[in-house]
Amino acid sequence: MFVKSVLLIDSDCGLRRLVEKFFEFARIQVVGGSTCQSALALLSPDCPGTFDALVASMDDLSIWELELVRSRIPEIPTLLIGFPPIPDLGLPRLEKPFPPERLLTRVRRELWGSRRADAQVLARR
């Protein structure tokens, strides 16, 4: 049973699969798309609370595309990932490459403000 869900936009299929498997242990569902269009297709106006966070690769999205996705899910916590330089849009950023546990830590701490949850994930290993 998943307790949270993350929309991950990144063209790297291997990265999406790795993050999906790793986050599964933390009971976080990852739904991935490779483009802005695939992400928009996952966002139904009928289900506004489908995702708890957005992790978007700035290697694959323009600033306009990012804002288009975020306009469909206003107020969603967002973490930008990518190879340097990542544009400073006033949002948390994580530079590639990174281990999946670091992404999980950043999602939990910066997007949901949870340190206790990190300890629980590490204790289950």
C-alpha atoms as a PDB file:
ATOM      1  CA  MET A   1       0.000   0.000   0.000  1.00  0.00           C
ATOM      2  CA  PHE A   2       1.462   3.318  -1.087  1.00  0.00           C
ATOM      3  CA  VAL A   3       1.123   6.313   1.221  1.00  0.00           C
ATOM      4  CA  LYS A   4       2.394   9.009  -1.160  1.00  0.00           C
ATOM      5  CA  SER A   5       2.803   9.426  -4.892  1.00  0.00           C
ATOM      6  CA  VAL A   6       5.357  11.293  -6.974  1.00  0.00           C
ATOM      7  CA  LEU A   7       5.171  12.334 -10.603  1.00  0.00           C
ATOM      8  CA  LEU A   8       8.662  11.963 -12.095  1.00  0.00           C
ATOM      9  CA  ILE A   9       9.426  13.560 -15.451  1.00  0.00           C
ATOM     10  CA  ASP A  10      12.717  12.399 -16.951  1.00  0.00           C
ATOM     11  CA  SER A  11      13.586  10.999 -20.374  1.00  0.00           C
ATOM     12  CA  ASP A  12      15.980   8.446 -18.843  1.00  0.00           C
ATOM     13  CA  CYS A  13      13.885   5.276 -18.615  1.00  0.00           C
ATOM     14  CA  GLY A  14      16.557   3.535 -16.513  1.00  0.00           C
ATOM     15  CA  LEU A  15      16.534   6.335 -13.952  1.00  0.00           C
ATOM     16  CA  ARG A  16      12.738   6.281 -13.755  1.00  0.00           C
ATOM     17  CA  ARG A  17      12.737   2.505 -13.145  1.00  0.00           C
ATOM     18  CA  LEU A  18      15.491   2.728 -10.516  1.00  0.00           C
ATOM     19  CA  VAL A  19      13.706   5.518  -8.630  1.00  0.00           C
ATOM     20  CA  GLU A  20      10.403   3.661  -8.893  1.00  0.00           C
ATOM     21  CA  LYS A  21      11.860   0.473  -7.363  1.00  0.00           C
ATOM     22  CA  PHE A  22      13.742   2.312  -4.628  1.00  0.00           C
ATOM     23  CA  PHE A  23      10.792   4.482  -3.632  1.00  0.00           C
ATOM     24  CA  GLU A  24       8.542   1.409  -3.533  1.00  0.00           C
ATOM     25  CA  PHE A  25      10.355   0.308  -0.354  1.00  0.00           C
ATOM     26  CA  ALA A  26       9.436   3.659   1.183  1.00  0.00           C
ATOM     27  CA  ARG A  27       5.792   3.122   0.196  1.00  0.00           C
ATOM     28  CA  ILE A  28       5.919   5.967  -2.303  1.00  0.00           C
ATOM     29  CA  GLN A  29       4.454   5.337  -5.720  1.00  0.00           C
ATOM     30  CA  VAL A  30       6.385   6.821  -8.630  1.00  0.00           C
ATOM     31  CA  VAL A  31       4.552   7.456 -11.864  1.00  0.00           C
ATOM     32  CA  GLY A  32       6.883   8.503 -14.615  1.00  0.00           C
ATOM     33  CA  GLY A  33       6.720  10.287 -17.875  1.00  0.00           C
ATOM     34  CA  SER A  34       9.471  11.077 -20.328  1.00  0.00           C
ATOM     35  CA  THR A  35       8.090  14.346 -21.705  1.00  0.00           C
ATOM     36  CA  CYS A  36       5.856  17.247 -20.798  1.00  0.00           C
ATOM     37  CA  GLN A  37       3.098  15.733 -22.945  1.00  0.00           C
ATOM     38  CA  SER A  38       3.277  12.345 -21.214  1.00  0.00           C
ATOM     39  CA  ALA A  39       3.137  14.059 -17.821  1.00  0.00           C
ATOM     40  CA  LEU A  40       0.141  16.159 -18.837  1.00  0.00           C
ATOM     41  CA  ALA A  41      -1.648  13.003 -19.988  1.00  0.00           C
ATOM     42  CA  LEU A  42      -1.272  11.622 -16.441  1.00  0.00           C
ATOM     43  CA  LEU A  43      -2.821  14.709 -14.875  1.00  0.00           C
ATOM     44  CA  SER A  44      -6.578  14.454 -14.849  1.00  0.00           C
ATOM     45  CA  PRO A  45      -8.524  17.617 -14.025  1.00  0.00           C
ATOM     46  CA  ASP A  46     -11.072  15.313 -12.356  1.00  0.00           C
ATOM     47  CA  CYS A  47      -8.519  14.058  -9.810  1.00  0.00           C
ATOM     48  CA  PRO A  48      -6.667  17.095  -8.414  1.00  0.00           C
ATOM     49  CA  GLY A  49      -4.963  15.250  -5.522  1.00  0.00           C
ATOM     50  CA  THR A  50      -3.472  12.403  -7.545  1.00  0.00           C
ATOM     51  CA  PHE A  51       0.170  13.343  -6.869  1.00  0.00           C
ATOM     52  CA  ASP A  52       1.855  14.559  -3.685  1.00  0.00           C
ATOM     53  CA  ALA A  53       5.038  15.844  -5.335  1.00  0.00           C
ATOM     54  CA  LEU A  54       6.628  16.582  -8.689  1.00  0.00           C
ATOM     55  CA  VAL A  55      10.234  15.697  -9.540  1.00  0.00           C
ATOM     56  CA  ALA A  56      11.126  17.218 -12.896  1.00  0.00           C
ATOM     57  CA  SER A  57      14.302  16.930 -14.940  1.00  0.00           C
ATOM     58  CA  MET A  58      15.381  20.266 -16.298  1.00  0.00           C
ATOM     59  CA  ASP A  59      17.486  18.297 -18.818  1.00  0.00           C
ATOM     60  CA  ASP A  60      14.223  17.415 -20.543  1.00  0.00           C
ATOM     61  CA  LEU A  61      11.829  20.275 -19.838  1.00  0.00           C
ATOM     62  CA  SER A  62      11.891  23.916 -20.740  1.00  0.00           C
ATOM     63  CA  ILE A  63      10.852  26.411 -18.082  1.00  0.00           C
ATOM     64  CA  TRP A  64       7.615  26.945 -20.043  1.00  0.00           C
ATOM     65  CA  GLU A  65       6.848  23.194 -20.020  1.00  0.00           C
ATOM     66  CA  LEU A  66       7.552  22.982 -16.290  1.00  0.00           C
ATOM     67  CA  GLU A  67       5.151  25.841 -15.618  1.00  0.00           C
ATOM     68  CA  LEU A  68       2.543  24.195 -17.864  1.00  0.00           C
ATOM     69  CA  VAL A  69       2.706  20.977 -15.827  1.00  0.00           C
ATOM     70  CA  ARG A  70       2.673  22.904 -12.535  1.00  0.00           C
ATOM     71  CA  SER A  71      -0.363  24.922 -13.675  1.00  0.00           C
ATOM     72  CA  ARG A  72      -2.333  21.669 -13.800  1.00  0.00           C
ATOM     73  CA  ILE A  73      -1.351  20.849 -10.213  1.00  0.00           C
ATOM     74  CA  PRO A  74      -0.982  24.196  -8.440  1.00  0.00           C
ATOM     75  CA  GLU A  75       0.767  24.295  -5.078  1.00  0.00           C
ATOM     76  CA  ILE A  76       2.431  20.901  -5.646  1.00  0.00           C
ATOM     77  CA  PRO A  77       5.834  20.603  -3.981  1.00  0.00           C
ATOM     78  CA  THR A  78       8.437  20.452  -6.758  1.00  0.00           C
ATOM     79  CA  LEU A  79      12.051  19.282  -6.880  1.00  0.00           C
ATOM     80  CA  LEU A  80      14.151  20.023  -9.970  1.00  0.00           C
ATOM     81  CA  ILE A  81      16.791  17.500 -10.995  1.00  0.00           C
ATOM     82  CA  GLY A  82      19.363  17.613 -13.770  1.00  0.00           C
ATOM     83  CA  PHE A  83      22.924  17.992 -14.847  1.00  0.00           C
ATOM     84  CA  PRO A  84      24.497  21.337 -13.936  1.00  0.00           C
ATOM     85  CA  PRO A  85      23.586  24.058 -14.438  1.00  0.00           C
ATOM     86  CA  ILE A  86      19.990  23.761 -13.236  1.00  0.00           C
ATOM     87  CA  PRO A  87      18.154  27.083 -13.564  1.00  0.00           C
ATOM     88  CA  ASP A  88      17.439  28.843 -10.299  1.00  0.00           C
ATOM     89  CA  LEU A  89      13.661  29.067 -10.274  1.00  0.00           C
ATOM     90  CA  GLY A  90      13.313  29.403  -6.513  1.00  0.00           C
ATOM     91  CA  LEU A  91      12.664  25.653  -6.207  1.00  0.00           C
ATOM     92  CA  PRO A  92      14.809  22.979  -4.539  1.00  0.00           C
ATOM     93  CA  ARG A  93      17.362  21.413  -6.896  1.00  0.00           C
ATOM     94  CA  LEU A  94      19.380  18.198  -6.981  1.00  0.00           C
ATOM     95  CA  GLU A  95      22.233  17.751  -9.451  1.00  0.00           C
ATOM     96  CA  LYS A  96      22.754  14.504 -11.350  1.00  0.00           C
ATOM     97  CA  PRO A  97      24.219  12.013 -10.883  1.00  0.00           C
ATOM     98  CA  PHE A  98      22.785  11.069  -7.503  1.00  0.00           C
ATOM     99  CA  PRO A  99      22.057   7.804  -5.698  1.00  0.00           C
ATOM    100  CA  PRO A 100      18.332   7.027  -5.357  1.00  0.00           C
ATOM    101  CA  GLU A 101      18.490   7.249  -1.565  1.00  0.00           C
ATOM    102  CA  ARG A 102      19.645  10.858  -1.851  1.00  0.00           C
ATOM    103  CA  LEU A 103      16.660  11.658  -4.052  1.00  0.00           C
ATOM    104  CA  LEU A 104      14.358   9.979  -1.527  1.00  0.00           C
ATOM    105  CA  THR A 105      15.895  12.007   1.294  1.00  0.00           C
ATOM    106  CA  ARG A 106      15.487  15.250  -0.624  1.00  0.00           C
ATOM    107  CA  VAL A 107      11.896  14.474  -1.593  1.00  0.00           C
ATOM    108  CA  ARG A 108      10.973  13.712   1.990  1.00  0.00           C
ATOM    109  CA  ARG A 109      12.851  16.560   3.645  1.00  0.00           C
ATOM    110  CA  GLU A 110      12.358  19.372   1.182  1.00  0.00           C
ATOM    111  CA  LEU A 111       8.962  18.525  -0.190  1.00  0.00           C
ATOM    112  CA  TRP A 112       7.289  17.028   2.859  1.00  0.00           C
ATOM    113  CA  GLY A 113       9.543  18.157   5.720  1.00  0.00           C
ATOM    114  CA  SER A 114       9.949  14.651   7.114  1.00  0.00           C
ATOM    115  CA  ARG A 115      13.149  13.543   8.837  1.00  0.00           C
ATOM    116  CA  ARG A 116      11.516  10.798  10.888  1.00  0.00           C
ATOM    117  CA  ALA A 117      10.340   9.070   7.728  1.00  0.00           C
ATOM    118  CA  ASP A 118      13.949   8.812   6.498  1.00  0.00           C
ATOM    119  CA  ALA A 119      14.945   6.952   9.638  1.00  0.00           C
ATOM    120  CA  GLN A 120      12.068   4.518   9.153  1.00  0.00           C
ATOM    121  CA  VAL A 121      13.147   3.700   5.605  1.00  0.00           C
ATOM    122  CA  LEU A 122      16.755   3.112   6.638  1.00  0.00           C
ATOM    123  CA  ALA A 123      15.650   0.943   9.584  1.00  0.00           C
ATOM    124  CA  ARG A 124      13.751  -1.384   7.231  1.00  0.00           C
ATOM    125  CA  ARG A 125      16.919  -2.272   5.307  1.00  0.00           C
END
